[in-house]
């Protein structure tokens, strides 16, 4: 993790992707320390979740689509 710039935080994830977090200038008291006020947090989950159910072999009816939107 690099912290050369007090308004920018850059890091490289385990899979090689780079992430940059920039904080805009502000006079908010909670952000007065810029990125120095941030701390690392260990991940709570790693890997992938369960595989989604397979799509039906026939086109979905409008009622089924509506129920999918409700999480049924």
C-alpha atoms as a PDB file:
ATOM      1  CA  UNK A   1       0.000   0.000   0.000  1.00  0.00           C
ATOM      2  CA  UNK A   2       1.319   3.465  -0.891  1.00  0.00           C
ATOM      3  CA  UNK A   3       0.467   6.640   0.949  1.00  0.00           C
ATOM      4  CA  UNK A   4       2.815   9.206  -0.651  1.00  0.00           C
ATOM      5  CA  UNK A   5      -0.051  11.552  -1.512  1.00  0.00           C
ATOM      6  CA  UNK A   6      -2.180  12.476   1.545  1.00  0.00           C
ATOM      7  CA  UNK A   7      -5.337  12.565  -0.602  1.00  0.00           C
ATOM      8  CA  UNK A   8      -4.835   9.267  -2.465  1.00  0.00           C
ATOM      9  CA  UNK A   9      -4.494   5.633  -1.426  1.00  0.00           C
ATOM     10  CA  UNK A  10      -3.292   3.034  -3.937  1.00  0.00           C
ATOM     11  CA  UNK A  11      -3.015  -0.716  -3.440  1.00  0.00           C
ATOM     12  CA  UNK A  12      -2.766  -3.894  -5.497  1.00  0.00           C
ATOM     13  CA  UNK A  13      -5.209  -6.722  -4.850  1.00  0.00           C
ATOM     14  CA  UNK A  14      -4.134 -10.370  -4.639  1.00  0.00           C
ATOM     15  CA  UNK A  15      -5.312 -11.014  -8.213  1.00  0.00           C
ATOM     16  CA  UNK A  16      -3.156  -8.173  -9.584  1.00  0.00           C
ATOM     17  CA  UNK A  17      -5.846  -5.498  -9.980  1.00  0.00           C
ATOM     18  CA  UNK A  18      -4.920  -2.021  -8.752  1.00  0.00           C
ATOM     19  CA  UNK A  19      -7.321   0.045  -6.688  1.00  0.00           C
ATOM     20  CA  UNK A  20      -7.035   3.783  -6.060  1.00  0.00           C
ATOM     21  CA  UNK A  21      -9.075   5.678  -3.487  1.00  0.00           C
ATOM     22  CA  UNK A  22      -9.076   9.461  -3.742  1.00  0.00           C
ATOM     23  CA  UNK A  23     -10.579  11.730  -1.144  1.00  0.00           C
ATOM     24  CA  UNK A  24     -11.634  15.184  -2.327  1.00  0.00           C
ATOM     25  CA  UNK A  25     -10.685  18.197  -0.219  1.00  0.00           C
ATOM     26  CA  UNK A  26     -13.265  18.876   2.481  1.00  0.00           C
ATOM     27  CA  UNK A  27     -13.610  20.781   5.710  1.00  0.00           C
ATOM     28  CA  UNK A  28     -15.647  18.011   7.381  1.00  0.00           C
ATOM     29  CA  UNK A  29     -14.186  17.327  10.860  1.00  0.00           C
ATOM     30  CA  UNK A  30     -14.403  13.543  10.452  1.00  0.00           C
ATOM     31  CA  UNK A  31     -12.237  13.708   7.305  1.00  0.00           C
ATOM     32  CA  UNK A  32      -9.634  16.149   8.607  1.00  0.00           C
ATOM     33  CA  UNK A  33      -6.883  13.491   8.630  1.00  0.00           C
ATOM     34  CA  UNK A  34      -7.507  12.471   5.007  1.00  0.00           C
ATOM     35  CA  UNK A  35      -6.394   8.915   4.287  1.00  0.00           C
ATOM     36  CA  UNK A  36      -4.450   8.774   7.552  1.00  0.00           C
ATOM     37  CA  UNK A  37      -7.847   8.324   9.216  1.00  0.00           C
ATOM     38  CA  UNK A  38      -8.436   5.087   7.276  1.00  0.00           C
ATOM     39  CA  UNK A  39      -7.339   1.703   8.525  1.00  0.00           C
ATOM     40  CA  UNK A  40      -7.083  -1.692   6.819  1.00  0.00           C
ATOM     41  CA  UNK A  41      -9.921  -4.138   7.444  1.00  0.00           C
ATOM     42  CA  UNK A  42      -9.462  -7.862   6.869  1.00  0.00           C
ATOM     43  CA  UNK A  43     -11.894  -9.438   4.372  1.00  0.00           C
ATOM     44  CA  UNK A  44     -14.893 -11.217   5.870  1.00  0.00           C
ATOM     45  CA  UNK A  45     -15.428 -13.474   2.847  1.00  0.00           C
ATOM     46  CA  UNK A  46     -13.076 -14.918   0.279  1.00  0.00           C
ATOM     47  CA  UNK A  47     -13.793 -16.825  -2.893  1.00  0.00           C
ATOM     48  CA  UNK A  48     -17.138 -17.054  -4.614  1.00  0.00           C
ATOM     49  CA  UNK A  49     -20.636 -17.636  -3.285  1.00  0.00           C
ATOM     50  CA  UNK A  50     -22.985 -20.374  -4.352  1.00  0.00           C
ATOM     51  CA  UNK A  51     -23.662 -20.877  -8.035  1.00  0.00           C
ATOM     52  CA  UNK A  52     -26.942 -19.326  -9.169  1.00  0.00           C
ATOM     53  CA  UNK A  53     -29.718 -21.707 -10.265  1.00  0.00           C
ATOM     54  CA  UNK A  54     -29.709 -22.558 -13.975  1.00  0.00           C
ATOM     55  CA  UNK A  55     -31.953 -20.587 -16.289  1.00  0.00           C
ATOM     56  CA  UNK A  56     -35.163 -22.319 -17.377  1.00  0.00           C
ATOM     57  CA  UNK A  57     -35.075 -24.008 -20.764  1.00  0.00           C
ATOM     58  CA  UNK A  58     -38.255 -22.190 -21.869  1.00  0.00           C
ATOM     59  CA  UNK A  59     -38.921 -18.424 -21.913  1.00  0.00           C
ATOM     60  CA  UNK A  60     -40.090 -17.053 -18.573  1.00  0.00           C
ATOM     61  CA  UNK A  61     -43.680 -15.885 -18.220  1.00  0.00           C
ATOM     62  CA  UNK A  62     -44.278 -12.294 -17.008  1.00  0.00           C
ATOM     63  CA  UNK A  63     -45.508 -13.534 -13.610  1.00  0.00           C
ATOM     64  CA  UNK A  64     -42.340 -15.581 -13.128  1.00  0.00           C
ATOM     65  CA  UNK A  65     -40.211 -12.534 -13.973  1.00  0.00           C
ATOM     66  CA  UNK A  66     -42.149 -10.476 -11.432  1.00  0.00           C
ATOM     67  CA  UNK A  67     -41.653 -13.157  -8.772  1.00  0.00           C
ATOM     68  CA  UNK A  68     -37.916 -13.262  -9.476  1.00  0.00           C
ATOM     69  CA  UNK A  69     -37.808  -9.546  -8.755  1.00  0.00           C
ATOM     70  CA  UNK A  70     -39.365 -10.212  -5.341  1.00  0.00           C
ATOM     71  CA  UNK A  71     -36.779 -12.854  -4.488  1.00  0.00           C
ATOM     72  CA  UNK A  72     -39.257 -15.758  -4.605  1.00  0.00           C
END
